[in-house]
Amino acid sequence: MDRIKTAALIVNAKSRKGRKLFKRACERVATLPYHVDSYAVENPEHLDRTVRQALDKKPDLVILGGGDGTVSGLVDLLVGKGVMLGVLPLGTANSFARTLGIPLDIDGAFEVLRTGEPRRIDLGMIDQDYFANCAAMGMSPQIAETVPHNLKRIAGRVGYLGWAGYQFASFKPFILTVDDGKETHRMRVVEVRISNGPYHGGQWLVDEAEVDSGKIVVQAVCARYKRGLIKNWAASFLGLEARHHDTVSFSGTSLKIDTVPSLPISIDGEVLAHTPITAHIAAGVIEVIAPPTPPA
């Protein structure tokens, strides 16, 4: 870690664990072998401004503390700045941290920041917007658009499951088209995952997706009735091989995606786009601090 002399720690204090753990994080900062400026951001609307202010000091590393939405919402600001990304997982699902192998407890995450290694990875893109982990169409955006913020912060995954059941009553399957540049595929589906990593919602779902593969993966859960989504979710939650029985995947560097009707797209938990869109991969566009590579 000799490349890192200075860092900025920016914590989304509105994330599920952010406010509670910011003090603990500041205590652990003293264990790091480099100087760290720490920022707690109570209003999520001020996160962009805080990151820009931190970047003005030219740190070698920016540590983002929050959930997947925090990382995806801010990673655009880091691309091309010659700065490394550190992750302090303080959210609900922490799918990006799981993909990188970063421990979800604060002590384990700081151990990675202290002894980890730089790893160059890909980012996904929806049109011109970078994202770290996974975008989705179907129930996930419907939940993300409507879930009360306090429910997400206080109840975490249990709250999400309860709200999902409430929203399920009005959900309907939809038509998906995927153009991979060679052929246009059309199918009736209940969920679509656009993945740069295998985790979505804290669950391992997309086996083909890797953060350094140079490809974006679109996985569709095919079903004519919405009960097919419950079947897939249950199999995924239990880790059963049956979770693959009703899915089809496409991969490439660029895929055109449309739906009937037009639908919102959640990008790591935040609704930020609507179909039609083009999903890209930005190969090797950023470095992250990841756990050391185990010896062969």
C-alpha atoms as a PDB file:
ATOM      1  CA  MET A   1       0.000   0.000   0.000  1.00  0.00           C
ATOM      2  CA  ASP A   2       3.001   2.306  -0.461  1.00  0.00           C
ATOM      3  CA  ARG A   3       1.113   4.095  -3.248  1.00  0.00           C
ATOM      4  CA  ILE A   4      -1.359   5.521  -0.732  1.00  0.00           C
ATOM      5  CA  LYS A   5      -0.227   8.543   1.272  1.00  0.00           C
ATOM      6  CA  THR A   6      -3.555  10.345   1.770  1.00  0.00           C
ATOM      7  CA  ALA A   7      -7.208   9.299   1.727  1.00  0.00           C
ATOM      8  CA  ALA A   8     -10.712  10.676   2.211  1.00  0.00           C
ATOM      9  CA  LEU A   9     -13.385   8.747   4.127  1.00  0.00           C
ATOM     10  CA  ILE A  10     -16.895   9.832   3.105  1.00  0.00           C
ATOM     11  CA  VAL A  11     -19.782   8.187   4.972  1.00  0.00           C
ATOM     12  CA  ASN A  12     -23.420   8.368   3.961  1.00  0.00           C
ATOM     13  CA  ALA A  13     -24.830   8.875   7.449  1.00  0.00           C
ATOM     14  CA  LYS A  14     -28.339   8.245   6.119  1.00  0.00           C
ATOM     15  CA  SER A  15     -27.452   4.707   5.073  1.00  0.00           C
ATOM     16  CA  ARG A  16     -28.803   1.928   7.279  1.00  0.00           C
ATOM     17  CA  LYS A  17     -25.710   1.747   9.484  1.00  0.00           C
ATOM     18  CA  GLY A  18     -23.910   4.965   8.563  1.00  0.00           C
ATOM     19  CA  ARG A  19     -24.829   7.280  11.425  1.00  0.00           C
ATOM     20  CA  LYS A  20     -24.366   4.605  14.065  1.00  0.00           C
ATOM     21  CA  LEU A  21     -20.998   3.447  12.796  1.00  0.00           C
ATOM     22  CA  PHE A  22     -19.368   6.722  11.711  1.00  0.00           C
ATOM     23  CA  LYS A  23     -17.773   7.207  15.156  1.00  0.00           C
ATOM     24  CA  ARG A  24     -16.438   3.653  15.126  1.00  0.00           C
ATOM     25  CA  ALA A  25     -15.045   4.235  11.640  1.00  0.00           C
ATOM     26  CA  CYS A  26     -13.251   7.386  12.779  1.00  0.00           C
ATOM     27  CA  GLU A  27     -11.672   5.399  15.620  1.00  0.00           C
ATOM     28  CA  ARG A  28     -10.396   2.786  13.153  1.00  0.00           C
ATOM     29  CA  VAL A  29      -8.933   5.472  10.884  1.00  0.00           C
ATOM     30  CA  ALA A  30      -5.992   5.757  13.292  1.00  0.00           C
ATOM     31  CA  THR A  31      -5.023   2.159  12.450  1.00  0.00           C
ATOM     32  CA  LEU A  32      -4.487   2.959   8.768  1.00  0.00           C
ATOM     33  CA  PRO A  33      -0.916   3.599   7.576  1.00  0.00           C
ATOM     34  CA  TYR A  34      -1.853   6.830   5.779  1.00  0.00           C
ATOM     35  CA  HIS A  35      -3.513  10.157   6.567  1.00  0.00           C
ATOM     36  CA  VAL A  36      -7.322  10.215   6.274  1.00  0.00           C
ATOM     37  CA  ASP A  37      -9.741  13.160   6.174  1.00  0.00           C
ATOM     38  CA  SER A  38     -13.186  12.032   7.384  1.00  0.00           C
ATOM     39  CA  TYR A  39     -16.591  13.387   6.337  1.00  0.00           C
ATOM     40  CA  ALA A  40     -20.057  12.372   7.612  1.00  0.00           C
ATOM     41  CA  VAL A  41     -22.821  13.459   5.223  1.00  0.00           C
ATOM     42  CA  GLU A  42     -26.278  13.632   6.812  1.00  0.00           C
ATOM     43  CA  ASN A  43     -28.086  14.794   3.662  1.00  0.00           C
ATOM     44  CA  PRO A  44     -27.589  12.406   0.692  1.00  0.00           C
ATOM     45  CA  GLU A  45     -28.067  15.346  -1.691  1.00  0.00           C
ATOM     46  CA  HIS A  46     -24.735  16.702  -0.419  1.00  0.00           C
ATOM     47  CA  LEU A  47     -22.714  13.559  -1.164  1.00  0.00           C
ATOM     48  CA  ASP A  48     -21.666  14.685  -4.660  1.00  0.00           C
ATOM     49  CA  ARG A  49     -20.490  18.041  -3.344  1.00  0.00           C
ATOM     50  CA  THR A  50     -18.547  16.424  -0.513  1.00  0.00           C
ATOM     51  CA  VAL A  51     -16.770  14.000  -2.860  1.00  0.00           C
ATOM     52  CA  ARG A  52     -15.812  16.865  -5.176  1.00  0.00           C
ATOM     53  CA  GLN A  53     -14.438  18.838  -2.219  1.00  0.00           C
ATOM     54  CA  ALA A  54     -12.442  15.798  -1.087  1.00  0.00           C
ATOM     55  CA  LEU A  55     -11.057  15.280  -4.616  1.00  0.00           C
ATOM     56  CA  ASP A  56      -9.833  18.880  -4.665  1.00  0.00           C
ATOM     57  CA  LYS A  57      -7.237  17.789  -2.072  1.00  0.00           C
ATOM     58  CA  LYS A  58      -5.903  15.141  -4.523  1.00  0.00           C
ATOM     59  CA  PRO A  59      -6.152  12.075  -2.260  1.00  0.00           C
ATOM     60  CA  ASP A  60      -4.709   8.764  -3.434  1.00  0.00           C
ATOM     61  CA  LEU A  61      -7.751   6.884  -2.100  1.00  0.00           C
ATOM     62  CA  VAL A  62     -11.440   7.707  -1.604  1.00  0.00           C
ATOM     63  CA  ILE A  63     -13.241   5.423   0.875  1.00  0.00           C
ATOM     64  CA  LEU A  64     -17.014   5.411   0.408  1.00  0.00           C
ATOM     65  CA  GLY A  65     -19.041   4.324   3.428  1.00  0.00           C
ATOM     66  CA  GLY A  66     -22.625   3.341   2.669  1.00  0.00           C
ATOM     67  CA  GLY A  67     -24.642   0.885   0.631  1.00  0.00           C
ATOM     68  CA  ASP A  68     -24.540  -0.153  -3.022  1.00  0.00           C
ATOM     69  CA  GLY A  69     -26.531   2.935  -4.028  1.00  0.00           C
ATOM     70  CA  THR A  70     -23.949   5.210  -2.403  1.00  0.00           C
ATOM     71  CA  VAL A  71     -21.065   3.575  -4.264  1.00  0.00           C
ATOM     72  CA  SER A  72     -22.838   3.540  -7.634  1.00  0.00           C
ATOM     73  CA  GLY A  73     -24.085   7.094  -7.231  1.00  0.00           C
ATOM     74  CA  LEU A  74     -20.595   8.453  -6.547  1.00  0.00           C
ATOM     75  CA  VAL A  75     -18.285   6.231  -8.591  1.00  0.00           C
ATOM     76  CA  ASP A  76     -18.818   8.418 -11.698  1.00  0.00           C
ATOM     77  CA  LEU A  77     -16.938  11.189  -9.898  1.00  0.00           C
ATOM     78  CA  LEU A  78     -13.869   8.971  -9.400  1.00  0.00           C
ATOM     79  CA  VAL A  79     -13.451   7.597 -12.930  1.00  0.00           C
ATOM     80  CA  GLY A  80     -10.503   9.202 -14.705  1.00  0.00           C
ATOM     81  CA  LYS A  81      -9.279  11.029 -11.589  1.00  0.00           C
ATOM     82  CA  GLY A  82      -6.348   8.687 -10.883  1.00  0.00           C
ATOM     83  CA  VAL A  83      -7.787   7.858  -7.460  1.00  0.00           C
ATOM     84  CA  MET A  84      -8.408   4.424  -5.955  1.00  0.00           C
ATOM     85  CA  LEU A  85     -11.730   3.371  -4.442  1.00  0.00           C
ATOM     86  CA  GLY A  86     -12.133   1.886  -0.973  1.00  0.00           C
ATOM     87  CA  VAL A  87     -15.423   0.418   0.242  1.00  0.00           C
ATOM     88  CA  LEU A  88     -16.806   0.516   3.783  1.00  0.00           C
ATOM     89  CA  PRO A  89     -20.024  -1.561   3.545  1.00  0.00           C
ATOM     90  CA  LEU A  90     -22.703   0.134   5.651  1.00  0.00           C
ATOM     91  CA  GLY A  91     -25.804  -0.610   3.584  1.00  0.00           C
ATOM     92  CA  THR A  92     -28.548  -3.215   3.491  1.00  0.00           C
ATOM     93  CA  ALA A  93     -27.386  -5.724   0.864  1.00  0.00           C
ATOM     94  CA  ASN A  94     -23.739  -4.680   0.290  1.00  0.00           C
ATOM     95  CA  SER A  95     -23.622  -6.686  -2.941  1.00  0.00           C
ATOM     96  CA  PHE A  96     -20.562  -4.854  -4.303  1.00  0.00           C
ATOM     97  CA  ALA A  97     -18.557  -5.551  -1.145  1.00  0.00           C
ATOM     98  CA  ARG A  98     -19.609  -9.210  -1.280  1.00  0.00           C
ATOM     99  CA  THR A  99     -18.436  -9.437  -4.892  1.00  0.00           C
ATOM    100  CA  LEU A 100     -15.014  -8.044  -3.941  1.00  0.00           C
ATOM    101  CA  GLY A 101     -14.745 -10.326  -0.903  1.00  0.00           C
ATOM    102  CA  ILE A 102     -14.702  -7.420   1.552  1.00  0.00           C
ATOM    103  CA  PRO A 103     -15.920  -8.406   5.056  1.00  0.00           C
ATOM    104  CA  LEU A 104     -19.226  -6.799   6.036  1.00  0.00           C
ATOM    105  CA  ASP A 105     -18.158  -5.956   9.599  1.00  0.00           C
ATOM    106  CA  ILE A 106     -16.375  -2.674  10.183  1.00  0.00           C
ATOM    107  CA  ASP A 107     -13.218  -4.238  11.643  1.00  0.00           C
ATOM    108  CA  GLY A 108     -12.846  -6.639   8.720  1.00  0.00           C
ATOM    109  CA  ALA A 109     -13.437  -3.880   6.181  1.00  0.00           C
ATOM    110  CA  PHE A 110     -10.772  -1.698   7.804  1.00  0.00           C
ATOM    111  CA  GLU A 111      -8.355  -4.618   7.781  1.00  0.00           C
ATOM    112  CA  VAL A 112      -8.771  -4.709   3.980  1.00  0.00           C
ATOM    113  CA  LEU A 113      -8.162  -0.952   3.830  1.00  0.00           C
ATOM    114  CA  ARG A 114      -5.007  -1.493   5.888  1.00  0.00           C
ATOM    115  CA  THR A 115      -3.536  -4.597   4.231  1.00  0.00           C
ATOM    116  CA  GLY A 116      -5.433  -5.004   0.942  1.00  0.00           C
ATOM    117  CA  GLU A 117      -4.162  -4.754  -2.613  1.00  0.00           C
ATOM    118  CA  PRO A 118      -5.195  -2.580  -5.558  1.00  0.00           C
ATOM    119  CA  ARG A 119      -7.373  -4.490  -8.029  1.00  0.00           C
ATOM    120  CA  ARG A 120      -8.387  -3.084 -11.393  1.00  0.00           C
ATOM    121  CA  ILE A 121     -12.046  -3.836 -12.171  1.00  0.00           C
ATOM    122  CA  ASP A 122     -14.814  -3.072 -14.656  1.00  0.00           C
ATOM    123  CA  LEU A 123     -17.828  -0.867 -14.114  1.00  0.00           C
ATOM    124  CA  GLY A 124     -21.179  -1.351 -15.778  1.00  0.00           C
ATOM    125  CA  MET A 125     -22.886   1.453 -17.648  1.00  0.00           C
ATOM    126  CA  ILE A 126     -26.533   2.243 -18.364  1.00  0.00           C
ATOM    127  CA  ASP A 127     -26.249   4.600 -21.322  1.00  0.00           C
ATOM    128  CA  GLN A 128     -23.632   7.073 -19.962  1.00  0.00           C
ATOM    129  CA  ASP A 129     -24.145   6.367 -16.239  1.00  0.00           C
ATOM    130  CA  TYR A 130     -21.580   4.166 -14.473  1.00  0.00           C
ATOM    131  CA  PHE A 131     -22.689   1.633 -11.886  1.00  0.00           C
ATOM    132  CA  ALA A 132     -20.739  -0.706  -9.633  1.00  0.00           C
ATOM    133  CA  ASN A 133     -22.755  -3.867  -9.321  1.00  0.00           C
ATOM    134  CA  CYS A 134     -26.236  -4.518 -10.720  1.00  0.00           C
ATOM    135  CA  ALA A 135     -29.182  -2.793 -12.398  1.00  0.00           C
ATOM    136  CA  ALA A 136     -32.616  -4.379 -12.481  1.00  0.00           C
ATOM    137  CA  MET A 137     -36.077  -4.230 -14.049  1.00  0.00           C
ATOM    138  CA  GLY A 138     -39.191  -5.710 -12.503  1.00  0.00           C
ATOM    139  CA  MET A 139     -40.116  -5.783  -8.831  1.00  0.00           C
ATOM    140  CA  SER A 140     -36.836  -4.293  -7.605  1.00  0.00           C
ATOM    141  CA  PRO A 141     -37.415  -0.829  -9.161  1.00  0.00           C
ATOM    142  CA  GLN A 142     -41.059  -0.919  -8.095  1.00  0.00           C
ATOM    143  CA  ILE A 143     -39.928  -1.519  -4.521  1.00  0.00           C
ATOM    144  CA  ALA A 144     -37.098   1.044  -4.740  1.00  0.00           C
ATOM    145  CA  GLU A 145     -39.438   3.735  -6.119  1.00  0.00           C
ATOM    146  CA  THR A 146     -42.010   3.325  -3.365  1.00  0.00           C
ATOM    147  CA  VAL A 147     -40.304   2.011  -0.215  1.00  0.00           C
ATOM    148  CA  PRO A 148     -40.271   4.571   2.638  1.00  0.00           C
ATOM    149  CA  HIS A 149     -36.691   5.600   3.368  1.00  0.00           C
ATOM    150  CA  ASN A 150     -37.018   5.041   7.123  1.00  0.00           C
ATOM    151  CA  LEU A 151     -38.228   1.489   6.513  1.00  0.00           C
ATOM    152  CA  LYS A 152     -35.072   0.729   4.512  1.00  0.00           C
ATOM    153  CA  ARG A 153     -32.811   2.325   7.114  1.00  0.00           C
ATOM    154  CA  ILE A 154     -34.429   0.821  10.207  1.00  0.00           C
ATOM    155  CA  ALA A 155     -35.748  -2.591   9.130  1.00  0.00           C
ATOM    156  CA  GLY A 156     -33.126  -3.473   6.493  1.00  0.00           C
ATOM    157  CA  ARG A 157     -33.696  -6.649   4.480  1.00  0.00           C
ATOM    158  CA  VAL A 158     -36.718  -7.729   6.551  1.00  0.00           C
ATOM    159  CA  GLY A 159     -38.396  -4.416   5.785  1.00  0.00           C
ATOM    160  CA  TYR A 160     -37.631  -4.864   2.099  1.00  0.00           C
ATOM    161  CA  LEU A 161     -39.265  -8.306   2.077  1.00  0.00           C
ATOM    162  CA  GLY A 162     -42.395  -6.964   3.729  1.00  0.00           C
ATOM    163  CA  TRP A 163     -42.671  -4.085   1.285  1.00  0.00           C
ATOM    164  CA  ALA A 164     -42.049  -6.459  -1.641  1.00  0.00           C
ATOM    165  CA  GLY A 165     -45.080  -8.514  -0.607  1.00  0.00           C
ATOM    166  CA  TYR A 166     -47.202  -5.365  -0.504  1.00  0.00           C
ATOM    167  CA  GLN A 167     -46.097  -4.284  -4.003  1.00  0.00           C
ATOM    168  CA  PHE A 168     -46.385  -7.751  -5.513  1.00  0.00           C
ATOM    169  CA  ALA A 169     -50.177  -7.471  -5.790  1.00  0.00           C
ATOM    170  CA  SER A 170     -49.955  -4.890  -8.603  1.00  0.00           C
ATOM    171  CA  PHE A 171     -46.951  -6.379 -10.422  1.00  0.00           C
ATOM    172  CA  LYS A 172     -47.307  -7.862 -13.950  1.00  0.00           C
ATOM    173  CA  PRO A 173     -44.916  -9.785 -16.270  1.00  0.00           C
ATOM    174  CA  PHE A 174     -43.568  -7.803 -19.232  1.00  0.00           C
ATOM    175  CA  ILE A 175     -41.946  -8.237 -22.664  1.00  0.00           C
ATOM    176  CA  LEU A 176     -38.153  -7.947 -22.889  1.00  0.00           C
ATOM    177  CA  THR A 177     -36.061  -7.509 -26.045  1.00  0.00           C
ATOM    178  CA  VAL A 178     -32.262  -7.831 -26.025  1.00  0.00           C
ATOM    179  CA  ASP A 179     -30.219  -6.892 -29.106  1.00  0.00           C
ATOM    180  CA  ASP A 180     -26.683  -8.294 -28.850  1.00  0.00           C
ATOM    181  CA  GLY A 181     -25.608  -6.912 -32.241  1.00  0.00           C
ATOM    182  CA  LYS A 182     -26.136 -10.252 -33.972  1.00  0.00           C
ATOM    183  CA  GLU A 183     -29.713 -11.134 -33.084  1.00  0.00           C
ATOM    184  CA  THR A 184     -32.715  -9.607 -31.313  1.00  0.00           C
ATOM    185  CA  HIS A 185     -34.159 -11.853 -28.607  1.00  0.00           C
ATOM    186  CA  ARG A 186     -37.743 -11.365 -27.391  1.00  0.00           C
ATOM    187  CA  MET A 187     -39.350 -13.071 -24.382  1.00  0.00           C
ATOM    188  CA  ARG A 188     -41.922 -12.661 -21.573  1.00  0.00           C
ATOM    189  CA  VAL A 189     -40.168 -12.146 -18.240  1.00  0.00           C
ATOM    190  CA  VAL A 190     -40.768 -11.239 -14.611  1.00  0.00           C
ATOM    191  CA  GLU A 191     -37.313  -9.820 -13.754  1.00  0.00           C
ATOM    192  CA  VAL A 192     -34.160  -8.655 -15.534  1.00  0.00           C
ATOM    193  CA  ARG A 193     -30.713  -8.244 -13.930  1.00  0.00           C
ATOM    194  CA  ILE A 194     -27.975  -6.257 -15.688  1.00  0.00           C
ATOM    195  CA  SER A 195     -24.889  -7.370 -13.826  1.00  0.00           C
ATOM    196  CA  ASN A 196     -21.249  -6.448 -13.402  1.00  0.00           C
ATOM    197  CA  GLY A 197     -21.030  -8.873 -10.464  1.00  0.00           C
ATOM    198  CA  PRO A 198     -22.788 -12.037  -9.274  1.00  0.00           C
ATOM    199  CA  TYR A 199     -24.630 -10.558  -6.264  1.00  0.00           C
ATOM    200  CA  HIS A 200     -27.993  -8.786  -6.379  1.00  0.00           C
ATOM    201  CA  GLY A 201     -29.872  -7.791  -3.238  1.00  0.00           C
ATOM    202  CA  GLY A 202     -27.235  -9.552  -1.168  1.00  0.00           C
ATOM    203  CA  GLN A 203     -27.892 -12.895  -2.896  1.00  0.00           C
ATOM    204  CA  TRP A 204     -25.623 -14.724  -5.353  1.00  0.00           C
ATOM    205  CA  LEU A 205     -27.762 -14.732  -8.531  1.00  0.00           C
ATOM    206  CA  VAL A 206     -25.749 -14.212 -11.733  1.00  0.00           C
ATOM    207  CA  ASP A 207     -23.064 -16.881 -11.999  1.00  0.00           C
ATOM    208  CA  GLU A 208     -21.626 -15.545 -15.263  1.00  0.00           C
ATOM    209  CA  ALA A 209     -20.968 -12.000 -14.030  1.00  0.00           C
ATOM    210  CA  GLU A 210     -17.487 -10.996 -12.804  1.00  0.00           C
ATOM    211  CA  VAL A 211     -16.054  -7.570 -12.043  1.00  0.00           C
ATOM    212  CA  ASP A 212     -13.018  -8.099 -14.280  1.00  0.00           C
ATOM    213  CA  SER A 213     -14.457 -10.158 -17.173  1.00  0.00           C
ATOM    214  CA  GLY A 214     -14.728  -7.274 -19.659  1.00  0.00           C
ATOM    215  CA  LYS A 215     -18.391  -8.157 -20.294  1.00  0.00           C
ATOM    216  CA  ILE A 216     -21.797  -7.052 -19.051  1.00  0.00           C
ATOM    217  CA  VAL A 217     -24.328  -9.817 -18.318  1.00  0.00           C
ATOM    218  CA  VAL A 218     -28.106  -9.565 -18.770  1.00  0.00           C
ATOM    219  CA  GLN A 219     -29.999 -12.299 -16.942  1.00  0.00           C
ATOM    220  CA  ALA A 220     -33.761 -12.632 -17.521  1.00  0.00           C
ATOM    221  CA  VAL A 221     -36.160 -14.619 -15.339  1.00  0.00           C
ATOM    222  CA  CYS A 222     -38.613 -16.022 -17.877  1.00  0.00           C
ATOM    223  CA  ALA A 223     -42.225 -16.688 -16.842  1.00  0.00           C
ATOM    224  CA  ARG A 224     -45.736 -16.007 -18.103  1.00  0.00           C
ATOM    225  CA  TYR A 225     -47.135 -15.492 -14.610  1.00  0.00           C
ATOM    226  CA  LYS A 226     -45.761 -13.526 -11.674  1.00  0.00           C
ATOM    227  CA  ARG A 227     -45.723 -16.595  -9.438  1.00  0.00           C
ATOM    228  CA  GLY A 228     -42.648 -17.594 -11.475  1.00  0.00           C
ATOM    229  CA  LEU A 229     -40.807 -14.747  -9.750  1.00  0.00           C
ATOM    230  CA  ILE A 230     -41.633 -16.138  -6.308  1.00  0.00           C
ATOM    231  CA  LYS A 231     -40.349 -19.532  -7.434  1.00  0.00           C
ATOM    232  CA  ASN A 232     -37.078 -18.034  -8.637  1.00  0.00           C
ATOM    233  CA  TRP A 233     -36.626 -15.864  -5.554  1.00  0.00           C
ATOM    234  CA  ALA A 234     -37.232 -18.832  -3.252  1.00  0.00           C
ATOM    235  CA  ALA A 235     -34.739 -21.023  -5.131  1.00  0.00           C
ATOM    236  CA  SER A 236     -32.188 -18.187  -5.100  1.00  0.00           C
ATOM    237  CA  PHE A 237     -32.650 -17.510  -1.380  1.00  0.00           C
ATOM    238  CA  LEU A 238     -32.108 -21.196  -0.632  1.00  0.00           C
ATOM    239  CA  GLY A 239     -29.168 -21.458  -3.044  1.00  0.00           C
ATOM    240  CA  LEU A 240     -30.850 -24.188  -5.099  1.00  0.00           C
ATOM    241  CA  GLU A 241     -29.790 -25.149  -8.621  1.00  0.00           C
ATOM    242  CA  ALA A 242     -33.450 -24.643  -9.597  1.00  0.00           C
ATOM    243  CA  ARG A 243     -32.805 -20.885  -9.637  1.00  0.00           C
ATOM    244  CA  HIS A 244     -31.270 -21.378 -13.100  1.00  0.00           C
ATOM    245  CA  HIS A 245     -34.122 -23.441 -14.562  1.00  0.00           C
ATOM    246  CA  ASP A 246     -36.145 -20.420 -15.685  1.00  0.00           C
ATOM    247  CA  THR A 247     -33.348 -17.951 -16.493  1.00  0.00           C
ATOM    248  CA  VAL A 248     -31.560 -17.059 -19.717  1.00  0.00           C
ATOM    249  CA  SER A 249     -28.413 -14.938 -19.898  1.00  0.00           C
ATOM    250  CA  PHE A 250     -26.778 -12.766 -22.563  1.00  0.00           C
ATOM    251  CA  SER A 251     -23.318 -11.192 -22.355  1.00  0.00           C
ATOM    252  CA  GLY A 252     -21.223  -8.767 -24.378  1.00  0.00           C
ATOM    253  CA  THR A 253     -19.550  -5.391 -24.276  1.00  0.00           C
ATOM    254  CA  SER A 254     -22.746  -3.594 -25.344  1.00  0.00           C
ATOM    255  CA  LEU A 255     -26.388  -4.781 -25.337  1.00  0.00           C
ATOM    256  CA  LYS A 256     -29.486  -2.835 -26.364  1.00  0.00           C
ATOM    257  CA  ILE A 257     -32.422  -3.457 -24.045  1.00  0.00           C
ATOM    258  CA  ASP A 258     -36.108  -2.528 -24.334  1.00  0.00           C
ATOM    259  CA  THR A 259     -39.360  -3.530 -22.643  1.00  0.00           C
ATOM    260  CA  VAL A 260     -43.091  -3.393 -23.290  1.00  0.00           C
ATOM    261  CA  PRO A 261     -44.295  -1.398 -21.483  1.00  0.00           C
ATOM    262  CA  SER A 262     -41.423   1.015 -20.799  1.00  0.00           C
ATOM    263  CA  LEU A 263     -40.160   0.337 -17.274  1.00  0.00           C
ATOM    264  CA  PRO A 264     -38.004   2.022 -14.622  1.00  0.00           C
ATOM    265  CA  ILE A 265     -34.525   0.636 -13.958  1.00  0.00           C
ATOM    266  CA  SER A 266     -33.012   0.552 -10.486  1.00  0.00           C
ATOM    267  CA  ILE A 267     -29.236   0.910 -10.446  1.00  0.00           C
ATOM    268  CA  ASP A 268     -27.900  -0.634  -7.247  1.00  0.00           C
ATOM    269  CA  GLY A 269     -31.179   0.177  -5.510  1.00  0.00           C
ATOM    270  CA  GLU A 270     -31.818   3.673  -6.910  1.00  0.00           C
ATOM    271  CA  VAL A 271     -34.259   4.268  -9.810  1.00  0.00           C
ATOM    272  CA  LEU A 272     -32.203   6.280 -12.311  1.00  0.00           C
ATOM    273  CA  ALA A 273     -33.308   5.261 -15.828  1.00  0.00           C
ATOM    274  CA  HIS A 274     -36.166   3.933 -17.969  1.00  0.00           C
ATOM    275  CA  THR A 275     -36.168   1.607 -20.975  1.00  0.00           C
ATOM    276  CA  PRO A 276     -35.075   1.630 -23.729  1.00  0.00           C
ATOM    277  CA  ILE A 277     -31.396   1.746 -22.734  1.00  0.00           C
ATOM    278  CA  THR A 278     -28.011   0.424 -23.828  1.00  0.00           C
ATOM    279  CA  ALA A 279     -25.990  -1.532 -21.258  1.00  0.00           C
ATOM    280  CA  HIS A 280     -22.187  -1.322 -21.677  1.00  0.00           C
ATOM    281  CA  ILE A 281     -19.100  -2.478 -19.868  1.00  0.00           C
ATOM    282  CA  ALA A 282     -16.319  -0.032 -18.995  1.00  0.00           C
ATOM    283  CA  ALA A 283     -13.459  -2.521 -18.769  1.00  0.00           C
ATOM    284  CA  GLY A 284     -10.722  -1.927 -16.176  1.00  0.00           C
ATOM    285  CA  VAL A 285     -11.801   1.651 -15.643  1.00  0.00           C
ATOM    286  CA  ILE A 286     -11.110   1.907 -11.880  1.00  0.00           C
ATOM    287  CA  GLU A 287      -8.920   0.437  -9.132  1.00  0.00           C
ATOM    288  CA  VAL A 288     -10.354  -0.737  -5.816  1.00  0.00           C
ATOM    289  CA  ILE A 289      -8.710  -1.873  -2.592  1.00  0.00           C
ATOM    290  CA  ALA A 290      -9.583  -5.569  -2.284  1.00  0.00           C
ATOM    291  CA  PRO A 291      -8.490  -8.399   0.036  1.00  0.00           C
ATOM    292  CA  PRO A 292      -4.989  -9.693  -0.697  1.00  0.00           C
ATOM    293  CA  THR A 293      -4.817 -12.471  -3.278  1.00  0.00           C
ATOM    294  CA  PRO A 294      -4.376 -15.785  -1.454  1.00  0.00           C
ATOM    295  CA  PRO A 295      -1.176 -17.663  -2.334  1.00  0.00           C
ATOM    296  CA  ALA A 296      -1.502 -20.333  -5.020  1.00  0.00           C
END
